Every structure is written in structure tokens, then in C-alpha cells.
Amino acid sequence: MVIALFDFNITFVPFPQILAYVSQVHKVVLPEGIVDNETVTLDEIESNIVRCPDPEYAQKMIEAIDAVRVQGESVGGVVTCIARNVPRGLGCPVFDKLEADLAKAMLSLPATKGVEFGSGFAGTFLTGSEHNDEFYMDEGGISNGETIYTRIAFKPTSTIGKKQKTVTRDRHETELIARGRHDPCVVPRGLISFPIHSFIWFAPI
């Protein structure tokens, strides 16, 4: 019997890890730096009903949602999505940019109204030298292997418990009052879709 032994030099590439958490509910905003996006875990995110990894601000968000719920109102918020271990070189320089494709995936979900990457709109307050991401010899491609940060804005739920003016099919003005159970804030529920949508985009690659 002959046994052949092979010495394989195998390099295992970490699979992209995609997490999302609630970073804002109405006027309750999670301050920058409280959550370490490089180490935050799914267990920390899922530790409370609002899916905010910081317990103090999670409670504030819950109270903000309860306050509008009893008024028959609704509020929006922001989800922060982070993608770790993303391979280098994904995307194209112009028409199929990585950010453009991810933005399309995020904005295809109901109630989403805006998306920003990295510094986002805050980058408008910086100068070019402050904002530039300098390149080094060990970096390259469209994605460079660093963690991708995305923030997605949700509008307030349109179906609320207060009277709202509307128009019938016969073009008569009337008032509408929603019945049944409706979320005063869809942000904690909506964030579940973002890792899935991001994964679907990364998977073929």
C-alpha cells in the first residue's frame, strides 16, 4: 500500500462579518466612540429589545419609543451597519462602485430614506487634508480590507393612531384613523434586514 502525503500551504481568508445596531431613535443619539465597532458583538446588540449595544442609551431609546406610542405617534431613527473582513478590491471605479451597490441594497428596504458611508455628511465639515484617506503600499483596490461603516436613516412609521387627512378614490377629502397593531418605531425590527442584504451582495464575490 502506498500512502502519498502532500504538504499544502493553505491560507484561510476570514469570511466577511456583518452586524447592525440601532444608533439613533428620534432625538436619542448614541454618541460617537461609545460603541467600539471593531469589537462589538451580536450578543451585545441582541441584549435588549431596541437592539442598541449600549445599555444606558438602549433604555433611553425604549423610553422615547414608549412616549410616542401612548400618543399614537411614531418616530424614525438610524441604523449603523458594519462589515468586517471585507476582501480587498471589490467594486468598480465608476458605474458599479461598491458604495453605490450597497446603497441600492439598503435603500430597497421599506422606510429607508438615506444612507451614508464612512464620514458621510459629517465629512462636509472637514477640509481635504483632514478627510483624505491616505494610501500605503500594503493597500489597494476599491475596498481596501478595512471595516466598512454604513448608516441608514429610517423615516417615522406612516401608519399612526392619530387622525390624518386623506382623499378617497372618488377624490373626496376625508380623515383616516389607523386600526390594529402598528410599530411606533420600525428601526429595531428593520435593522435585521441589513446584514442579510449586505451578505447577499457580498456572497457572489
N, C-alpha and C. Protein backbone atom coordinates (compact mmCIF):
# COMPACT_ATOMS: atom_id res chain seq x y z
N MET A 1 0.85 -1.19 0.00
CA MET A 1 0.00 0.00 0.00
C MET A 1 0.89 1.24 0.00
N VAL A 2 0.57 2.17 -0.86
CA VAL A 2 1.34 3.41 -0.97
C VAL A 2 0.51 4.55 -0.41
N ILE A 3 1.09 5.31 0.47
CA ILE A 3 0.40 6.47 1.05
C ILE A 3 1.13 7.73 0.59
N ALA A 4 0.41 8.59 -0.08
CA ALA A 4 1.00 9.83 -0.57
C ALA A 4 0.67 10.96 0.41
N LEU A 5 1.68 11.66 0.79
CA LEU A 5 1.49 12.78 1.70
C LEU A 5 1.77 14.08 0.96
N PHE A 6 0.90 15.05 1.14
CA PHE A 6 1.04 16.33 0.45
C PHE A 6 1.12 17.44 1.48
N ASP A 7 2.01 18.35 1.25
CA ASP A 7 2.18 19.50 2.15
C ASP A 7 1.51 20.71 1.50
N PHE A 8 0.31 21.00 1.92
CA PHE A 8 -0.44 22.12 1.35
C PHE A 8 -0.18 23.38 2.17
N ASN A 9 0.11 24.46 1.48
CA ASN A 9 0.25 25.75 2.14
C ASN A 9 -1.06 26.52 1.95
N ILE A 10 -1.96 26.37 2.89
CA ILE A 10 -3.30 26.91 2.76
C ILE A 10 -3.44 28.17 3.62
N THR A 11 -3.91 29.23 3.00
CA THR A 11 -4.18 30.47 3.73
C THR A 11 -5.68 30.65 3.84
N PHE A 12 -6.17 30.70 5.05
CA PHE A 12 -7.59 30.86 5.27
C PHE A 12 -7.93 32.35 5.36
N VAL A 13 -8.85 32.79 4.50
CA VAL A 13 -9.27 34.18 4.49
C VAL A 13 -10.53 34.32 5.32
N PRO A 14 -10.54 35.19 6.33
CA PRO A 14 -11.73 35.36 7.16
C PRO A 14 -12.94 35.76 6.32
N PHE A 15 -14.09 35.17 6.62
CA PHE A 15 -15.31 35.50 5.89
C PHE A 15 -15.85 36.83 6.41
N PRO A 16 -16.43 37.65 5.51
CA PRO A 16 -16.97 38.93 5.98
C PRO A 16 -17.98 38.74 7.11
N GLN A 17 -17.87 39.57 8.14
CA GLN A 17 -18.79 39.56 9.26
C GLN A 17 -19.58 40.86 9.23
N ILE A 18 -20.90 40.75 9.19
CA ILE A 18 -21.74 41.93 9.02
C ILE A 18 -22.70 42.02 10.21
N LEU A 19 -22.65 43.15 10.91
CA LEU A 19 -23.51 43.39 12.07
C LEU A 19 -24.21 44.73 11.89
N ALA A 20 -25.34 44.88 12.55
CA ALA A 20 -26.06 46.15 12.52
C ALA A 20 -26.69 46.40 13.88
N TYR A 21 -26.71 47.68 14.29
CA TYR A 21 -27.33 48.02 15.57
C TYR A 21 -27.98 49.39 15.46
N VAL A 22 -28.90 49.67 16.37
CA VAL A 22 -29.59 50.96 16.39
C VAL A 22 -28.69 52.00 17.06
N SER A 23 -28.41 53.08 16.34
CA SER A 23 -27.56 54.14 16.88
C SER A 23 -28.33 55.43 17.13
N GLN A 24 -29.60 55.47 16.73
CA GLN A 24 -30.42 56.66 16.99
C GLN A 24 -31.90 56.29 16.92
N VAL A 25 -32.65 56.79 17.88
CA VAL A 25 -34.12 56.74 17.85
C VAL A 25 -34.61 58.15 18.12
N HIS A 26 -35.22 58.76 17.13
CA HIS A 26 -35.70 60.14 17.22
C HIS A 26 -34.55 61.05 17.65
N LYS A 27 -34.65 61.66 18.82
CA LYS A 27 -33.62 62.59 19.26
C LYS A 27 -32.60 61.96 20.21
N VAL A 28 -32.74 60.67 20.46
CA VAL A 28 -31.77 59.96 21.29
C VAL A 28 -30.67 59.41 20.38
N VAL A 29 -29.51 60.03 20.46
CA VAL A 29 -28.41 59.68 19.55
C VAL A 29 -27.27 59.05 20.34
N LEU A 30 -26.84 57.87 19.91
CA LEU A 30 -25.70 57.21 20.55
C LEU A 30 -24.43 57.97 20.20
N PRO A 31 -23.72 58.53 21.17
CA PRO A 31 -22.52 59.34 20.88
C PRO A 31 -21.42 58.52 20.22
N GLU A 32 -20.64 59.18 19.39
CA GLU A 32 -19.51 58.53 18.74
C GLU A 32 -18.52 58.03 19.79
N GLY A 33 -18.01 56.84 19.59
CA GLY A 33 -16.98 56.31 20.46
C GLY A 33 -17.48 55.44 21.60
N ILE A 34 -18.78 55.50 21.91
CA ILE A 34 -19.30 54.66 23.00
C ILE A 34 -19.26 53.19 22.62
N VAL A 35 -19.56 52.90 21.36
CA VAL A 35 -19.52 51.52 20.86
C VAL A 35 -18.26 51.34 20.01
N ASP A 36 -17.49 50.33 20.32
CA ASP A 36 -16.31 50.01 19.52
C ASP A 36 -16.74 49.12 18.36
N ASN A 37 -16.78 49.68 17.16
CA ASN A 37 -17.27 48.94 16.01
C ASN A 37 -16.36 47.79 15.59
N GLU A 38 -15.15 47.77 16.10
CA GLU A 38 -14.24 46.68 15.76
C GLU A 38 -14.44 45.46 16.66
N THR A 39 -15.07 45.67 17.81
CA THR A 39 -15.20 44.56 18.77
C THR A 39 -16.64 44.26 19.18
N VAL A 40 -17.59 45.11 18.83
CA VAL A 40 -18.98 44.90 19.26
C VAL A 40 -19.47 43.54 18.74
N THR A 41 -20.27 42.86 19.57
CA THR A 41 -20.72 41.51 19.24
C THR A 41 -22.23 41.47 19.04
N LEU A 42 -22.69 40.38 18.42
CA LEU A 42 -24.12 40.18 18.21
C LEU A 42 -24.84 40.04 19.54
N ASP A 43 -24.20 39.40 20.52
CA ASP A 43 -24.81 39.23 21.84
C ASP A 43 -25.07 40.59 22.50
N GLU A 44 -24.14 41.52 22.35
CA GLU A 44 -24.33 42.86 22.92
C GLU A 44 -25.49 43.58 22.24
N ILE A 45 -25.59 43.42 20.93
CA ILE A 45 -26.67 44.06 20.17
C ILE A 45 -28.02 43.49 20.56
N GLU A 46 -28.09 42.17 20.71
CA GLU A 46 -29.35 41.50 20.98
C GLU A 46 -29.69 41.43 22.47
N SER A 47 -28.94 42.16 23.29
CA SER A 47 -29.17 42.10 24.74
C SER A 47 -30.39 42.88 25.19
N ASN A 48 -31.01 43.66 24.30
CA ASN A 48 -32.20 44.42 24.66
C ASN A 48 -33.12 44.53 23.45
N ILE A 49 -34.36 44.90 23.71
CA ILE A 49 -35.39 44.88 22.67
C ILE A 49 -35.18 45.91 21.57
N VAL A 50 -34.43 46.98 21.88
CA VAL A 50 -34.23 48.04 20.88
C VAL A 50 -32.97 47.80 20.04
N ARG A 51 -32.21 46.80 20.41
CA ARG A 51 -31.00 46.39 19.67
C ARG A 51 -29.95 47.50 19.60
N CYS A 52 -29.71 48.11 20.74
CA CYS A 52 -28.62 49.07 20.89
C CYS A 52 -27.61 48.46 21.86
N PRO A 53 -26.33 48.34 21.46
CA PRO A 53 -25.36 47.63 22.31
C PRO A 53 -24.98 48.34 23.60
N ASP A 54 -25.36 49.62 23.75
CA ASP A 54 -25.06 50.33 25.00
C ASP A 54 -26.30 50.33 25.88
N PRO A 55 -26.25 49.72 27.06
CA PRO A 55 -27.44 49.58 27.92
C PRO A 55 -28.08 50.90 28.30
N GLU A 56 -27.26 51.91 28.62
CA GLU A 56 -27.80 53.20 29.05
C GLU A 56 -28.62 53.86 27.95
N TYR A 57 -28.05 53.91 26.76
CA TYR A 57 -28.76 54.55 25.65
C TYR A 57 -29.89 53.67 25.11
N ALA A 58 -29.77 52.38 25.29
CA ALA A 58 -30.86 51.48 24.91
C ALA A 58 -32.11 51.80 25.73
N GLN A 59 -31.93 52.04 27.02
CA GLN A 59 -33.06 52.38 27.88
C GLN A 59 -33.67 53.72 27.48
N LYS A 60 -32.83 54.68 27.13
CA LYS A 60 -33.33 55.99 26.69
C LYS A 60 -34.15 55.85 25.41
N MET A 61 -33.70 54.99 24.51
CA MET A 61 -34.42 54.77 23.26
C MET A 61 -35.76 54.10 23.51
N ILE A 62 -35.77 53.13 24.40
CA ILE A 62 -37.02 52.45 24.75
C ILE A 62 -38.02 53.44 25.33
N GLU A 63 -37.55 54.32 26.20
CA GLU A 63 -38.44 55.33 26.80
C GLU A 63 -38.95 56.30 25.75
N ALA A 64 -38.12 56.65 24.78
CA ALA A 64 -38.54 57.57 23.71
C ALA A 64 -39.63 56.93 22.85
N ILE A 65 -39.49 55.64 22.57
CA ILE A 65 -40.50 54.93 21.78
C ILE A 65 -41.79 54.80 22.55
N ASP A 66 -41.71 54.48 23.83
CA ASP A 66 -42.91 54.36 24.66
C ASP A 66 -43.66 55.69 24.75
N ALA A 67 -42.91 56.79 24.80
CA ALA A 67 -43.52 58.11 24.92
C ALA A 67 -44.38 58.45 23.71
N VAL A 68 -43.92 58.12 22.51
CA VAL A 68 -44.72 58.43 21.31
C VAL A 68 -45.80 57.38 21.08
N ARG A 69 -45.57 56.18 21.57
CA ARG A 69 -46.57 55.11 21.38
C ARG A 69 -47.88 55.46 22.06
N VAL A 70 -47.81 55.97 23.27
CA VAL A 70 -49.04 56.30 24.00
C VAL A 70 -49.75 57.50 23.40
N GLN A 71 -49.06 58.27 22.57
CA GLN A 71 -49.66 59.42 21.90
C GLN A 71 -50.22 59.06 20.53
N GLY A 72 -50.05 57.79 20.14
CA GLY A 72 -50.48 57.38 18.81
C GLY A 72 -49.58 57.89 17.72
N GLU A 73 -48.34 58.22 18.08
CA GLU A 73 -47.38 58.77 17.13
C GLU A 73 -46.33 57.74 16.76
N SER A 74 -45.40 58.14 15.91
CA SER A 74 -44.28 57.27 15.54
C SER A 74 -43.02 58.11 15.36
N VAL A 75 -41.87 57.45 15.42
CA VAL A 75 -40.59 58.13 15.21
C VAL A 75 -39.68 57.27 14.35
N GLY A 76 -38.69 57.91 13.75
CA GLY A 76 -37.69 57.20 12.95
C GLY A 76 -36.39 57.07 13.71
N GLY A 77 -35.34 56.77 12.97
CA GLY A 77 -34.04 56.62 13.62
C GLY A 77 -32.97 56.23 12.62
N VAL A 78 -31.84 55.77 13.15
CA VAL A 78 -30.70 55.43 12.32
C VAL A 78 -30.13 54.08 12.75
N VAL A 79 -29.78 53.29 11.75
CA VAL A 79 -29.11 52.02 11.98
C VAL A 79 -27.67 52.14 11.50
N THR A 80 -26.73 51.67 12.31
CA THR A 80 -25.33 51.60 11.91
C THR A 80 -25.01 50.17 11.52
N CYS A 81 -24.50 49.99 10.32
CA CYS A 81 -24.14 48.66 9.82
C CYS A 81 -22.63 48.61 9.60
N ILE A 82 -22.00 47.57 10.10
CA ILE A 82 -20.55 47.43 9.96
C ILE A 82 -20.24 46.10 9.28
N ALA A 83 -19.31 46.15 8.33
CA ALA A 83 -18.89 44.94 7.62
C ALA A 83 -17.38 44.76 7.84
N ARG A 84 -17.02 43.71 8.54
CA ARG A 84 -15.62 43.42 8.84
C ARG A 84 -15.09 42.33 7.89
N ASN A 85 -13.78 42.28 7.77
CA ASN A 85 -13.11 41.25 6.97
C ASN A 85 -13.56 41.26 5.51
N VAL A 86 -13.86 42.43 4.99
CA VAL A 86 -14.27 42.54 3.60
C VAL A 86 -13.04 42.41 2.71
N PRO A 87 -13.06 41.54 1.71
CA PRO A 87 -11.89 41.37 0.83
C PRO A 87 -11.53 42.67 0.12
N ARG A 88 -10.27 42.81 -0.21
CA ARG A 88 -9.82 43.97 -0.95
C ARG A 88 -10.25 43.88 -2.42
N GLY A 89 -10.42 45.04 -3.02
CA GLY A 89 -10.63 45.10 -4.46
C GLY A 89 -12.05 44.88 -4.94
N LEU A 90 -13.04 44.96 -4.07
CA LEU A 90 -14.42 44.78 -4.51
C LEU A 90 -14.95 46.06 -5.14
N GLY A 91 -15.79 45.92 -6.15
CA GLY A 91 -16.40 47.08 -6.78
C GLY A 91 -15.64 47.53 -8.01
N CYS A 92 -16.20 48.52 -8.68
CA CYS A 92 -15.60 49.10 -9.89
C CYS A 92 -15.39 50.59 -9.67
N PRO A 93 -14.52 51.20 -10.45
CA PRO A 93 -14.18 52.61 -10.23
C PRO A 93 -15.32 53.58 -10.44
N VAL A 94 -16.25 53.28 -11.37
CA VAL A 94 -17.25 54.29 -11.73
C VAL A 94 -18.67 53.78 -11.54
N PHE A 95 -19.17 52.99 -12.50
CA PHE A 95 -20.61 52.71 -12.54
C PHE A 95 -21.07 51.66 -11.53
N ASP A 96 -20.25 50.70 -11.21
CA ASP A 96 -20.64 49.68 -10.24
C ASP A 96 -19.80 49.81 -8.98
N LYS A 97 -19.75 51.01 -8.45
CA LYS A 97 -18.99 51.28 -7.24
C LYS A 97 -19.54 50.47 -6.08
N LEU A 98 -18.66 50.08 -5.18
CA LEU A 98 -19.06 49.31 -4.00
C LEU A 98 -20.13 50.06 -3.21
N GLU A 99 -19.91 51.34 -2.97
CA GLU A 99 -20.86 52.12 -2.19
C GLU A 99 -22.20 52.23 -2.91
N ALA A 100 -22.17 52.37 -4.23
CA ALA A 100 -23.42 52.50 -4.99
C ALA A 100 -24.25 51.23 -4.91
N ASP A 101 -23.60 50.08 -5.04
CA ASP A 101 -24.33 48.81 -4.98
C ASP A 101 -24.89 48.56 -3.58
N LEU A 102 -24.08 48.85 -2.55
CA LEU A 102 -24.57 48.66 -1.18
C LEU A 102 -25.71 49.63 -0.87
N ALA A 103 -25.60 50.87 -1.36
CA ALA A 103 -26.67 51.84 -1.13
C ALA A 103 -27.97 51.38 -1.76
N LYS A 104 -27.88 50.81 -2.96
CA LYS A 104 -29.08 50.29 -3.62
C LYS A 104 -29.72 49.18 -2.80
N ALA A 105 -28.88 48.30 -2.24
CA ALA A 105 -29.40 47.20 -1.42
C ALA A 105 -30.09 47.74 -0.16
N MET A 106 -29.48 48.75 0.47
CA MET A 106 -30.05 49.31 1.69
C MET A 106 -31.34 50.08 1.41
N LEU A 107 -31.34 50.89 0.37
CA LEU A 107 -32.49 51.74 0.09
C LEU A 107 -33.65 50.99 -0.56
N SER A 108 -33.44 49.72 -0.88
CA SER A 108 -34.54 48.92 -1.43
C SER A 108 -35.50 48.46 -0.33
N LEU A 109 -35.09 48.64 0.92
CA LEU A 109 -35.94 48.23 2.05
C LEU A 109 -36.96 49.32 2.38
N PRO A 110 -38.16 48.94 2.80
CA PRO A 110 -39.19 49.93 3.16
C PRO A 110 -38.73 50.85 4.29
N ALA A 111 -39.17 52.08 4.25
CA ALA A 111 -38.96 53.08 5.31
C ALA A 111 -37.56 53.68 5.32
N THR A 112 -36.64 53.18 4.49
CA THR A 112 -35.31 53.78 4.45
C THR A 112 -35.33 55.05 3.61
N LYS A 113 -34.67 56.08 4.08
CA LYS A 113 -34.70 57.38 3.40
C LYS A 113 -33.34 57.97 3.12
N GLY A 114 -32.30 57.38 3.65
CA GLY A 114 -30.97 57.93 3.41
C GLY A 114 -29.90 56.94 3.82
N VAL A 115 -28.73 57.05 3.20
CA VAL A 115 -27.61 56.17 3.54
C VAL A 115 -26.31 56.97 3.41
N GLU A 116 -25.38 56.72 4.32
CA GLU A 116 -24.08 57.36 4.25
C GLU A 116 -22.99 56.36 4.62
N PHE A 117 -21.82 56.56 4.04
CA PHE A 117 -20.69 55.67 4.27
C PHE A 117 -19.55 56.44 4.92
N GLY A 118 -18.85 55.78 5.82
CA GLY A 118 -17.70 56.41 6.46
C GLY A 118 -18.07 57.69 7.17
N SER A 119 -17.41 58.78 6.81
CA SER A 119 -17.68 60.07 7.43
C SER A 119 -19.04 60.63 7.00
N GLY A 120 -19.54 60.19 5.84
CA GLY A 120 -20.87 60.62 5.38
C GLY A 120 -21.01 62.12 5.30
N PHE A 121 -22.17 62.61 5.76
CA PHE A 121 -22.44 64.05 5.70
C PHE A 121 -21.51 64.84 6.62
N ALA A 122 -21.00 64.18 7.67
CA ALA A 122 -20.08 64.88 8.58
C ALA A 122 -18.80 65.29 7.87
N GLY A 123 -18.48 64.60 6.77
CA GLY A 123 -17.29 64.94 6.01
C GLY A 123 -17.34 66.32 5.39
N THR A 124 -18.55 66.89 5.27
CA THR A 124 -18.67 68.24 4.69
C THR A 124 -18.12 69.30 5.62
N PHE A 125 -17.90 68.96 6.87
CA PHE A 125 -17.34 69.93 7.83
C PHE A 125 -15.81 69.88 7.87
N LEU A 126 -15.20 68.97 7.10
CA LEU A 126 -13.75 68.80 7.13
C LEU A 126 -13.10 69.42 5.90
N THR A 127 -11.80 69.67 6.02
CA THR A 127 -11.02 70.08 4.85
C THR A 127 -10.53 68.83 4.13
N GLY A 128 -9.97 69.02 2.95
CA GLY A 128 -9.49 67.89 2.19
C GLY A 128 -8.41 67.11 2.90
N SER A 129 -7.45 67.81 3.52
CA SER A 129 -6.36 67.13 4.21
C SER A 129 -6.85 66.37 5.43
N GLU A 130 -7.91 66.86 6.06
CA GLU A 130 -8.47 66.17 7.22
C GLU A 130 -9.25 64.94 6.80
N HIS A 131 -9.90 65.03 5.64
CA HIS A 131 -10.81 63.96 5.22
C HIS A 131 -10.13 62.87 4.40
N ASN A 132 -9.04 63.20 3.72
CA ASN A 132 -8.40 62.23 2.82
C ASN A 132 -7.97 60.97 3.55
N ASP A 133 -8.19 59.82 2.90
CA ASP A 133 -7.74 58.53 3.39
C ASP A 133 -6.49 58.17 2.62
N GLU A 134 -5.34 58.36 3.23
CA GLU A 134 -4.08 58.17 2.52
C GLU A 134 -3.84 56.69 2.20
N PHE A 135 -3.21 56.46 1.05
CA PHE A 135 -2.91 55.10 0.61
C PHE A 135 -1.47 54.72 0.99
N TYR A 136 -1.28 53.42 1.23
CA TYR A 136 0.05 52.90 1.54
C TYR A 136 0.32 51.69 0.65
N MET A 137 1.55 51.20 0.64
CA MET A 137 1.93 50.13 -0.27
C MET A 137 1.18 48.83 0.00
N ASP A 138 0.72 48.62 1.21
CA ASP A 138 0.03 47.36 1.51
C ASP A 138 -1.48 47.48 1.33
N GLU A 139 -1.95 48.55 0.68
CA GLU A 139 -3.37 48.72 0.43
C GLU A 139 -3.61 48.78 -1.07
N GLY A 140 -4.84 48.47 -1.48
CA GLY A 140 -5.15 48.57 -2.90
C GLY A 140 -6.57 48.16 -3.17
N GLY A 141 -7.06 48.49 -4.38
CA GLY A 141 -8.40 48.10 -4.77
C GLY A 141 -9.43 49.13 -4.40
N ILE A 142 -10.69 48.79 -4.66
CA ILE A 142 -11.80 49.69 -4.36
C ILE A 142 -12.14 49.58 -2.87
N SER A 143 -12.40 48.36 -2.42
CA SER A 143 -12.42 48.15 -0.97
C SER A 143 -10.98 47.82 -0.59
N ASN A 144 -10.56 48.24 0.60
CA ASN A 144 -9.15 48.05 0.95
C ASN A 144 -8.94 47.10 2.13
N GLY A 145 -9.96 46.35 2.47
CA GLY A 145 -9.84 45.39 3.56
C GLY A 145 -10.22 45.96 4.91
N GLU A 146 -10.43 47.27 4.99
CA GLU A 146 -10.82 47.86 6.26
C GLU A 146 -12.32 47.68 6.48
N THR A 147 -12.73 47.88 7.72
CA THR A 147 -14.15 47.77 8.06
C THR A 147 -14.96 48.85 7.33
N ILE A 148 -16.09 48.45 6.77
CA ILE A 148 -16.97 49.38 6.07
C ILE A 148 -18.08 49.82 7.02
N TYR A 149 -18.22 51.12 7.18
CA TYR A 149 -19.23 51.68 8.08
C TYR A 149 -20.35 52.31 7.25
N THR A 150 -21.57 51.92 7.57
CA THR A 150 -22.73 52.45 6.86
C THR A 150 -23.78 52.88 7.88
N ARG A 151 -24.41 54.02 7.62
CA ARG A 151 -25.50 54.48 8.47
C ARG A 151 -26.74 54.66 7.59
N ILE A 152 -27.87 54.10 8.03
CA ILE A 152 -29.09 54.12 7.23
C ILE A 152 -30.20 54.80 8.03
N ALA A 153 -30.85 55.78 7.42
CA ALA A 153 -31.92 56.54 8.08
C ALA A 153 -33.28 55.92 7.79
N PHE A 154 -34.08 55.77 8.84
CA PHE A 154 -35.45 55.29 8.72
C PHE A 154 -36.42 56.44 8.99
N LYS A 155 -37.44 56.54 8.20
CA LYS A 155 -38.47 57.54 8.46
C LYS A 155 -39.41 57.04 9.57
N PRO A 156 -40.18 57.95 10.18
CA PRO A 156 -41.21 57.51 11.13
C PRO A 156 -42.25 56.66 10.41
N THR A 157 -42.81 55.70 11.11
CA THR A 157 -43.85 54.86 10.52
C THR A 157 -45.01 55.73 10.06
N SER A 158 -45.45 55.52 8.82
CA SER A 158 -46.51 56.38 8.27
C SER A 158 -47.88 56.06 8.85
N THR A 159 -48.08 54.82 9.29
CA THR A 159 -49.36 54.43 9.88
C THR A 159 -49.34 54.72 11.37
N ILE A 160 -50.12 55.72 11.78
CA ILE A 160 -50.15 56.12 13.19
C ILE A 160 -51.58 56.13 13.71
N GLY A 161 -51.70 56.33 15.02
CA GLY A 161 -53.02 56.27 15.64
C GLY A 161 -53.73 57.61 15.71
N LYS A 162 -53.20 58.61 15.06
CA LYS A 162 -53.84 59.93 15.03
C LYS A 162 -54.60 60.13 13.73
N LYS A 163 -55.61 61.00 13.77
CA LYS A 163 -56.35 61.32 12.56
C LYS A 163 -55.44 62.02 11.55
N GLN A 164 -55.57 61.58 10.30
CA GLN A 164 -54.80 62.20 9.23
C GLN A 164 -55.72 62.47 8.03
N LYS A 165 -55.49 63.56 7.39
CA LYS A 165 -56.31 63.89 6.23
C LYS A 165 -55.88 63.05 5.03
N THR A 166 -56.86 62.62 4.25
CA THR A 166 -56.57 61.84 3.06
C THR A 166 -57.66 62.09 2.01
N VAL A 167 -57.55 61.39 0.90
CA VAL A 167 -58.52 61.55 -0.19
C VAL A 167 -58.97 60.17 -0.63
N THR A 168 -60.27 60.00 -0.86
CA THR A 168 -60.81 58.72 -1.31
C THR A 168 -60.56 58.52 -2.79
N ARG A 169 -60.91 57.33 -3.28
CA ARG A 169 -60.77 57.05 -4.71
C ARG A 169 -61.67 57.95 -5.55
N ASP A 170 -62.75 58.39 -4.93
CA ASP A 170 -63.68 59.28 -5.63
C ASP A 170 -63.27 60.75 -5.50
N ARG A 171 -62.08 60.96 -4.98
CA ARG A 171 -61.50 62.29 -4.86
C ARG A 171 -62.25 63.18 -3.88
N HIS A 172 -62.71 62.55 -2.79
CA HIS A 172 -63.37 63.29 -1.72
C HIS A 172 -62.41 63.35 -0.52
N GLU A 173 -62.30 64.51 0.06
CA GLU A 173 -61.45 64.65 1.24
C GLU A 173 -62.11 63.99 2.45
N THR A 174 -61.29 63.31 3.24
CA THR A 174 -61.81 62.63 4.42
C THR A 174 -60.69 62.51 5.45
N GLU A 175 -60.97 61.84 6.57
CA GLU A 175 -59.96 61.61 7.59
C GLU A 175 -59.76 60.12 7.79
N LEU A 176 -58.55 59.76 8.09
CA LEU A 176 -58.20 58.35 8.25
C LEU A 176 -57.62 58.12 9.63
N ILE A 177 -58.09 57.07 10.31
CA ILE A 177 -57.52 56.65 11.59
C ILE A 177 -57.12 55.19 11.45
N ALA A 178 -55.87 54.90 11.68
CA ALA A 178 -55.38 53.52 11.54
C ALA A 178 -55.87 52.67 12.70
N ARG A 179 -56.19 51.44 12.41
CA ARG A 179 -56.63 50.48 13.42
C ARG A 179 -55.63 49.33 13.50
N GLY A 180 -55.64 48.63 14.62
CA GLY A 180 -54.77 47.46 14.75
C GLY A 180 -53.43 47.79 15.36
N ARG A 181 -52.52 46.83 15.28
CA ARG A 181 -51.20 46.98 15.88
C ARG A 181 -50.22 47.54 14.85
N HIS A 182 -49.57 48.62 15.22
CA HIS A 182 -48.57 49.22 14.33
C HIS A 182 -47.37 49.66 15.16
N ASP A 183 -46.18 49.44 14.64
CA ASP A 183 -44.96 49.79 15.36
C ASP A 183 -44.78 51.30 15.45
N PRO A 184 -44.56 51.83 16.65
CA PRO A 184 -44.26 53.27 16.76
C PRO A 184 -42.87 53.60 16.25
N CYS A 185 -42.03 52.57 16.10
CA CYS A 185 -40.67 52.76 15.56
C CYS A 185 -40.22 51.43 14.94
N VAL A 186 -39.98 51.44 13.64
CA VAL A 186 -39.62 50.20 12.94
C VAL A 186 -38.11 49.95 12.93
N VAL A 187 -37.34 50.88 13.47
CA VAL A 187 -35.88 50.78 13.37
C VAL A 187 -35.33 49.49 13.98
N PRO A 188 -35.69 49.11 15.22
CA PRO A 188 -35.12 47.88 15.79
C PRO A 188 -35.47 46.62 14.99
N ARG A 189 -36.62 46.62 14.34
CA ARG A 189 -37.01 45.46 13.54
C ARG A 189 -36.39 45.50 12.16
N GLY A 190 -36.29 46.71 11.61
CA GLY A 190 -35.77 46.84 10.26
C GLY A 190 -34.31 46.52 10.12
N LEU A 191 -33.53 46.72 11.19
CA LEU A 191 -32.08 46.52 11.07
C LEU A 191 -31.71 45.07 10.76
N ILE A 192 -32.61 44.13 11.06
CA ILE A 192 -32.32 42.72 10.80
C ILE A 192 -32.03 42.48 9.33
N SER A 193 -32.65 43.26 8.47
CA SER A 193 -32.51 43.04 7.03
C SER A 193 -31.17 43.49 6.47
N PHE A 194 -30.50 44.42 7.14
CA PHE A 194 -29.28 44.99 6.55
C PHE A 194 -28.13 44.01 6.45
N PRO A 195 -27.83 43.22 7.50
CA PRO A 195 -26.78 42.21 7.32
C PRO A 195 -27.13 41.21 6.22
N ILE A 196 -28.41 40.87 6.11
CA ILE A 196 -28.84 39.92 5.07
C ILE A 196 -28.63 40.51 3.69
N HIS A 197 -29.07 41.75 3.49
CA HIS A 197 -28.92 42.40 2.19
C HIS A 197 -27.44 42.56 1.83
N SER A 198 -26.64 42.93 2.82
CA SER A 198 -25.20 43.09 2.55
C SER A 198 -24.57 41.75 2.20
N PHE A 199 -24.96 40.71 2.93
CA PHE A 199 -24.41 39.38 2.67
C PHE A 199 -24.77 38.90 1.27
N ILE A 200 -26.01 39.15 0.85
CA ILE A 200 -26.43 38.75 -0.50
C ILE A 200 -25.56 39.43 -1.54
N TRP A 201 -25.17 40.68 -1.28
CA TRP A 201 -24.33 41.38 -2.25
C TRP A 201 -22.91 40.83 -2.24
N PHE A 202 -22.38 40.52 -1.05
CA PHE A 202 -21.02 40.01 -0.96
C PHE A 202 -20.89 38.55 -1.42
N ALA A 203 -21.96 37.77 -1.25
CA ALA A 203 -21.90 36.33 -1.47
C ALA A 203 -21.41 35.92 -2.87
N PRO A 204 -21.90 36.53 -3.97
CA PRO A 204 -21.42 36.10 -5.28
C PRO A 204 -19.94 36.35 -5.49
N ILE A 205 -19.36 37.25 -4.69
CA ILE A 205 -17.96 37.60 -4.85
C ILE A 205 -17.06 36.61 -4.11
